[in-house]
Amino acid sequence: MCTNRYYWDRHVVKIFFISCVLPLFLALPSLVFTVLTEFHIYQNSVSRERITN
């Protein structure tokens, strides 16, 4: 397999792209929750709901 075919083969590029993006996509909800908790945005909204109910 020559290097030109290896770098431009769409199947190889697609697998490489998915393997790079998938971990980021899976880590995104955890990262968002951590940031919201760190800045007390999520905790404040939850405690307001408990107080009003």
PDB file of N, CA and C in Angstrom:
ATOM      1  N   MET A   1       0.864  -1.182   0.000  1.00  0.00           N
ATOM      2  CA  MET A   1       0.000   0.000   0.000  1.00  0.00           C
ATOM      3  C   MET A   1       0.904   1.237   0.000  1.00  0.00           C
ATOM      4  N   CYS A   2       0.719   2.070  -0.970  1.00  0.00           N
ATOM      5  CA  CYS A   2       1.564   3.265  -1.029  1.00  0.00           C
ATOM      6  C   CYS A   2       1.055   4.325  -0.051  1.00  0.00           C
ATOM      7  N   THR A   3       1.909   5.260   0.303  1.00  0.00           N
ATOM      8  CA  THR A   3       1.540   6.275   1.296  1.00  0.00           C
ATOM      9  C   THR A   3       0.443   7.189   0.781  1.00  0.00           C
ATOM     10  N   ASN A   4       0.397   7.427  -0.523  1.00  0.00           N
ATOM     11  CA  ASN A   4      -0.629   8.307  -1.082  1.00  0.00           C
ATOM     12  C   ASN A   4      -2.017   7.700  -0.870  1.00  0.00           C
ATOM     13  N   ARG A   5      -2.163   6.422  -1.137  1.00  0.00           N
ATOM     14  CA  ARG A   5      -3.450   5.752  -0.947  1.00  0.00           C
ATOM     15  C   ARG A   5      -3.813   5.690   0.534  1.00  0.00           C
ATOM     16  N   TYR A   6      -2.836   5.467   1.373  1.00  0.00           N
ATOM     17  CA  TYR A   6      -3.103   5.359   2.808  1.00  0.00           C
ATOM     18  C   TYR A   6      -3.653   6.665   3.365  1.00  0.00           C
ATOM     19  N   TYR A   7      -3.096   7.775   2.978  1.00  0.00           N
ATOM     20  CA  TYR A   7      -3.531   9.052   3.537  1.00  0.00           C
ATOM     21  C   TYR A   7      -4.853   9.535   2.960  1.00  0.00           C
ATOM     22  N   TRP A   8      -5.207   9.119   1.775  1.00  0.00           N
ATOM     23  CA  TRP A   8      -6.424   9.639   1.153  1.00  0.00           C
ATOM     24  C   TRP A   8      -7.529   8.602   1.035  1.00  0.00           C
ATOM     25  N   ASP A   9      -7.325   7.412   1.559  1.00  0.00           N
ATOM     26  CA  ASP A   9      -8.381   6.404   1.544  1.00  0.00           C
ATOM     27  C   ASP A   9      -9.494   6.858   2.491  1.00  0.00           C
ATOM     28  N   ARG A  10     -10.681   7.037   1.973  1.00  0.00           N
ATOM     29  CA  ARG A  10     -11.782   7.594   2.768  1.00  0.00           C
ATOM     30  C   ARG A  10     -12.148   6.716   3.951  1.00  0.00           C
ATOM     31  N   HIS A  11     -12.052   5.418   3.783  1.00  0.00           N
ATOM     32  CA  HIS A  11     -12.383   4.506   4.878  1.00  0.00           C
ATOM     33  C   HIS A  11     -11.414   4.691   6.052  1.00  0.00           C
ATOM     34  N   VAL A  12     -10.135   4.806   5.748  1.00  0.00           N
ATOM     35  CA  VAL A  12      -9.128   4.998   6.793  1.00  0.00           C
ATOM     36  C   VAL A  12      -9.322   6.350   7.468  1.00  0.00           C
ATOM     37  N   VAL A  13      -9.601   7.375   6.684  1.00  0.00           N
ATOM     38  CA  VAL A  13      -9.811   8.715   7.240  1.00  0.00           C
ATOM     39  C   VAL A  13     -11.053   8.727   8.121  1.00  0.00           C
ATOM     40  N   LYS A  14     -12.117   8.051   7.699  1.00  0.00           N
ATOM     41  CA  LYS A  14     -13.355   8.004   8.486  1.00  0.00           C
ATOM     42  C   LYS A  14     -13.131   7.295   9.821  1.00  0.00           C
ATOM     43  N   ILE A  15     -12.428   6.177   9.800  1.00  0.00           N
ATOM     44  CA  ILE A  15     -12.144   5.453  11.043  1.00  0.00           C
ATOM     45  C   ILE A  15     -11.287   6.304  11.969  1.00  0.00           C
ATOM     46  N   PHE A  16     -10.289   6.975  11.413  1.00  0.00           N
ATOM     47  CA  PHE A  16      -9.432   7.830  12.229  1.00  0.00           C
ATOM     48  C   PHE A  16     -10.242   8.979  12.832  1.00  0.00           C
ATOM     49  N   PHE A  17     -11.103   9.593  12.046  1.00  0.00           N
ATOM     50  CA  PHE A  17     -11.924  10.706  12.529  1.00  0.00           C
ATOM     51  C   PHE A  17     -12.866  10.248  13.645  1.00  0.00           C
ATOM     52  N   ILE A  18     -13.520   9.119  13.455  1.00  0.00           N
ATOM     53  CA  ILE A  18     -14.442   8.597  14.472  1.00  0.00           C
ATOM     54  C   ILE A  18     -13.689   8.244  15.749  1.00  0.00           C
ATOM     55  N   SER A  19     -12.515   7.641  15.615  1.00  0.00           N
ATOM     56  CA  SER A  19     -11.760   7.257  16.807  1.00  0.00           C
ATOM     57  C   SER A  19     -11.236   8.472  17.563  1.00  0.00           C
ATOM     58  N   CYS A  20     -11.079   9.601  16.893  1.00  0.00           N
ATOM     59  CA  CYS A  20     -10.646  10.824  17.579  1.00  0.00           C
ATOM     60  C   CYS A  20     -11.826  11.581  18.178  1.00  0.00           C
ATOM     61  N   VAL A  21     -12.962  11.592  17.498  1.00  0.00           N
ATOM     62  CA  VAL A  21     -14.102  12.394  17.927  1.00  0.00           C
ATOM     63  C   VAL A  21     -14.959  11.664  18.961  1.00  0.00           C
ATOM     64  N   LEU A  22     -15.057  10.362  18.871  1.00  0.00           N
ATOM     65  CA  LEU A  22     -15.931   9.608  19.773  1.00  0.00           C
ATOM     66  C   LEU A  22     -15.584   9.795  21.254  1.00  0.00           C
ATOM     67  N   PRO A  23     -14.325   9.717  21.661  1.00  0.00           N
ATOM     68  CA  PRO A  23     -14.033   9.966  23.079  1.00  0.00           C
ATOM     69  C   PRO A  23     -14.420  11.375  23.527  1.00  0.00           C
ATOM     70  N   LEU A  24     -14.230  12.354  22.665  1.00  0.00           N
ATOM     71  CA  LEU A  24     -14.632  13.723  23.012  1.00  0.00           C
ATOM     72  C   LEU A  24     -16.141  13.818  23.162  1.00  0.00           C
ATOM     73  N   PHE A  25     -16.872  13.173  22.261  1.00  0.00           N
ATOM     74  CA  PHE A  25     -18.330  13.185  22.307  1.00  0.00           C
ATOM     75  C   PHE A  25     -18.851  12.497  23.569  1.00  0.00           C
ATOM     76  N   LEU A  26     -18.206  11.404  23.965  1.00  0.00           N
ATOM     77  CA  LEU A  26     -18.641  10.677  25.154  1.00  0.00           C
ATOM     78  C   LEU A  26     -18.273  11.415  26.443  1.00  0.00           C
ATOM     79  N   ALA A  27     -17.209  12.189  26.417  1.00  0.00           N
ATOM     80  CA  ALA A  27     -16.783  12.921  27.611  1.00  0.00           C
ATOM     81  C   ALA A  27     -17.527  14.239  27.775  1.00  0.00           C
ATOM     82  N   LEU A  28     -18.213  14.697  26.754  1.00  0.00           N
ATOM     83  CA  LEU A  28     -18.869  16.006  26.793  1.00  0.00           C
ATOM     84  C   LEU A  28     -19.927  16.132  27.891  1.00  0.00           C
ATOM     85  N   PRO A  29     -20.849  15.193  28.085  1.00  0.00           N
ATOM     86  CA  PRO A  29     -21.836  15.357  29.167  1.00  0.00           C
ATOM     87  C   PRO A  29     -21.198  15.457  30.550  1.00  0.00           C
ATOM     88  N   SER A  30     -20.180  14.660  30.787  1.00  0.00           N
ATOM     89  CA  SER A  30     -19.491  14.712  32.075  1.00  0.00           C
ATOM     90  C   SER A  30     -18.791  16.048  32.264  1.00  0.00           C
ATOM     91  N   LEU A  31     -18.189  16.547  31.204  1.00  0.00           N
ATOM     92  CA  LEU A  31     -17.499  17.835  31.274  1.00  0.00           C
ATOM     93  C   LEU A  31     -18.480  18.968  31.536  1.00  0.00           C
ATOM     94  N   VAL A  32     -19.620  18.955  30.862  1.00  0.00           N
ATOM     95  CA  VAL A  32     -20.634  19.989  31.065  1.00  0.00           C
ATOM     96  C   VAL A  32     -21.162  19.936  32.493  1.00  0.00           C
ATOM     97  N   PHE A  33     -21.446  18.750  33.003  1.00  0.00           N
ATOM     98  CA  PHE A  33     -21.936  18.611  34.370  1.00  0.00           C
ATOM     99  C   PHE A  33     -20.900  19.103  35.378  1.00  0.00           C
ATOM    100  N   THR A  34     -19.630  18.787  35.144  1.00  0.00           N
ATOM    101  CA  THR A  34     -18.563  19.228  36.043  1.00  0.00           C
ATOM    102  C   THR A  34     -18.445  20.741  36.054  1.00  0.00           C
ATOM    103  N   VAL A  35     -18.507  21.364  34.891  1.00  0.00           N
ATOM    104  CA  VAL A  35     -18.406  22.826  34.813  1.00  0.00           C
ATOM    105  C   VAL A  35     -19.604  23.476  35.494  1.00  0.00           C
ATOM    106  N   LEU A  36     -20.801  22.967  35.248  1.00  0.00           N
ATOM    107  CA  LEU A  36     -21.992  23.541  35.874  1.00  0.00           C
ATOM    108  C   LEU A  36     -21.956  23.387  37.393  1.00  0.00           C
ATOM    109  N   THR A  37     -21.487  22.245  37.854  1.00  0.00           N
ATOM    110  CA  THR A  37     -21.382  22.022  39.296  1.00  0.00           C
ATOM    111  C   THR A  37     -20.303  22.909  39.903  1.00  0.00           C
ATOM    112  N   GLU A  38     -19.211  23.076  39.188  1.00  0.00           N
ATOM    113  CA  GLU A  38     -18.100  23.890  39.690  1.00  0.00           C
ATOM    114  C   GLU A  38     -18.519  25.344  39.862  1.00  0.00           C
ATOM    115  N   PHE A  39     -19.321  25.846  38.963  1.00  0.00           N
ATOM    116  CA  PHE A  39     -19.767  27.238  39.042  1.00  0.00           C
ATOM    117  C   PHE A  39     -21.088  27.375  39.793  1.00  0.00           C
ATOM    118  N   HIS A  40     -21.537  26.301  40.437  1.00  0.00           N
ATOM    119  CA  HIS A  40     -22.731  26.289  41.286  1.00  0.00           C
ATOM    120  C   HIS A  40     -24.007  26.648  40.524  1.00  0.00           C
ATOM    121  N   ILE A  41     -24.012  26.460  39.232  1.00  0.00           N
ATOM    122  CA  ILE A  41     -25.213  26.742  38.441  1.00  0.00           C
ATOM    123  C   ILE A  41     -26.213  25.608  38.632  1.00  0.00           C
ATOM    124  N   TYR A  42     -25.722  24.367  38.525  1.00  0.00           N
ATOM    125  CA  TYR A  42     -26.605  23.208  38.654  1.00  0.00           C
ATOM    126  C   TYR A  42     -27.092  23.066  40.092  1.00  0.00           C
ATOM    127  N   GLN A  43     -26.221  23.224  41.052  1.00  0.00           N
ATOM    128  CA  GLN A  43     -26.593  23.057  42.456  1.00  0.00           C
ATOM    129  C   GLN A  43     -27.625  24.094  42.882  1.00  0.00           C
ATOM    130  N   ASN A  44     -27.476  25.335  42.438  1.00  0.00           N
ATOM    131  CA  ASN A  44     -28.430  26.381  42.808  1.00  0.00           C
ATOM    132  C   ASN A  44     -29.811  26.100  42.229  1.00  0.00           C
ATOM    133  N   SER A  45     -29.880  25.635  41.002  1.00  0.00           N
ATOM    134  CA  SER A  45     -31.188  25.363  40.403  1.00  0.00           C
ATOM    135  C   SER A  45     -31.857  24.173  41.078  1.00  0.00           C
ATOM    136  N   VAL A  46     -31.095  23.172  41.491  1.00  0.00           N
ATOM    137  CA  VAL A  46     -31.672  22.013  42.168  1.00  0.00           C
ATOM    138  C   VAL A  46     -32.152  22.412  43.556  1.00  0.00           C
ATOM    139  N   SER A  47     -31.385  23.213  44.294  1.00  0.00           N
ATOM    140  CA  SER A  47     -31.808  23.595  45.642  1.00  0.00           C
ATOM    141  C   SER A  47     -33.018  24.518  45.602  1.00  0.00           C
ATOM    142  N   ARG A  48     -33.157  25.323  44.576  1.00  0.00           N
ATOM    143  CA  ARG A  48     -34.355  26.165  44.455  1.00  0.00           C
ATOM    144  C   ARG A  48     -35.591  25.308  44.242  1.00  0.00           C
ATOM    145  N   GLU A  49     -35.464  24.238  43.460  1.00  0.00           N
ATOM    146  CA  GLU A  49     -36.604  23.347  43.234  1.00  0.00           C
ATOM    147  C   GLU A  49     -37.010  22.656  44.529  1.00  0.00           C
ATOM    148  N   ARG A  50     -36.065  22.254  45.335  1.00  0.00           N
ATOM    149  CA  ARG A  50     -36.386  21.582  46.600  1.00  0.00           C
ATOM    150  C   ARG A  50     -37.062  22.549  47.562  1.00  0.00           C
ATOM    151  N   ILE A  51     -36.642  23.801  47.557  1.00  0.00           N
ATOM    152  CA  ILE A  51     -37.223  24.790  48.469  1.00  0.00           C
ATOM    153  C   ILE A  51     -38.659  25.104  48.059  1.00  0.00           C
ATOM    154  N   THR A  52     -38.906  25.252  46.764  1.00  0.00           N
ATOM    155  CA  THR A  52     -40.239  25.628  46.303  1.00  0.00           C
ATOM    156  C   THR A  52     -41.217  24.465  46.371  1.00  0.00           C
ATOM    157  N   ASN A  53     -40.731  23.231  46.319  1.00  0.00           N
ATOM    158  CA  ASN A  53     -41.643  22.073  46.364  1.00  0.00           C
ATOM    159  C   ASN A  53     -41.862  21.734  47.769  1.00  0.00           C
TER     160      ASN A  53
END
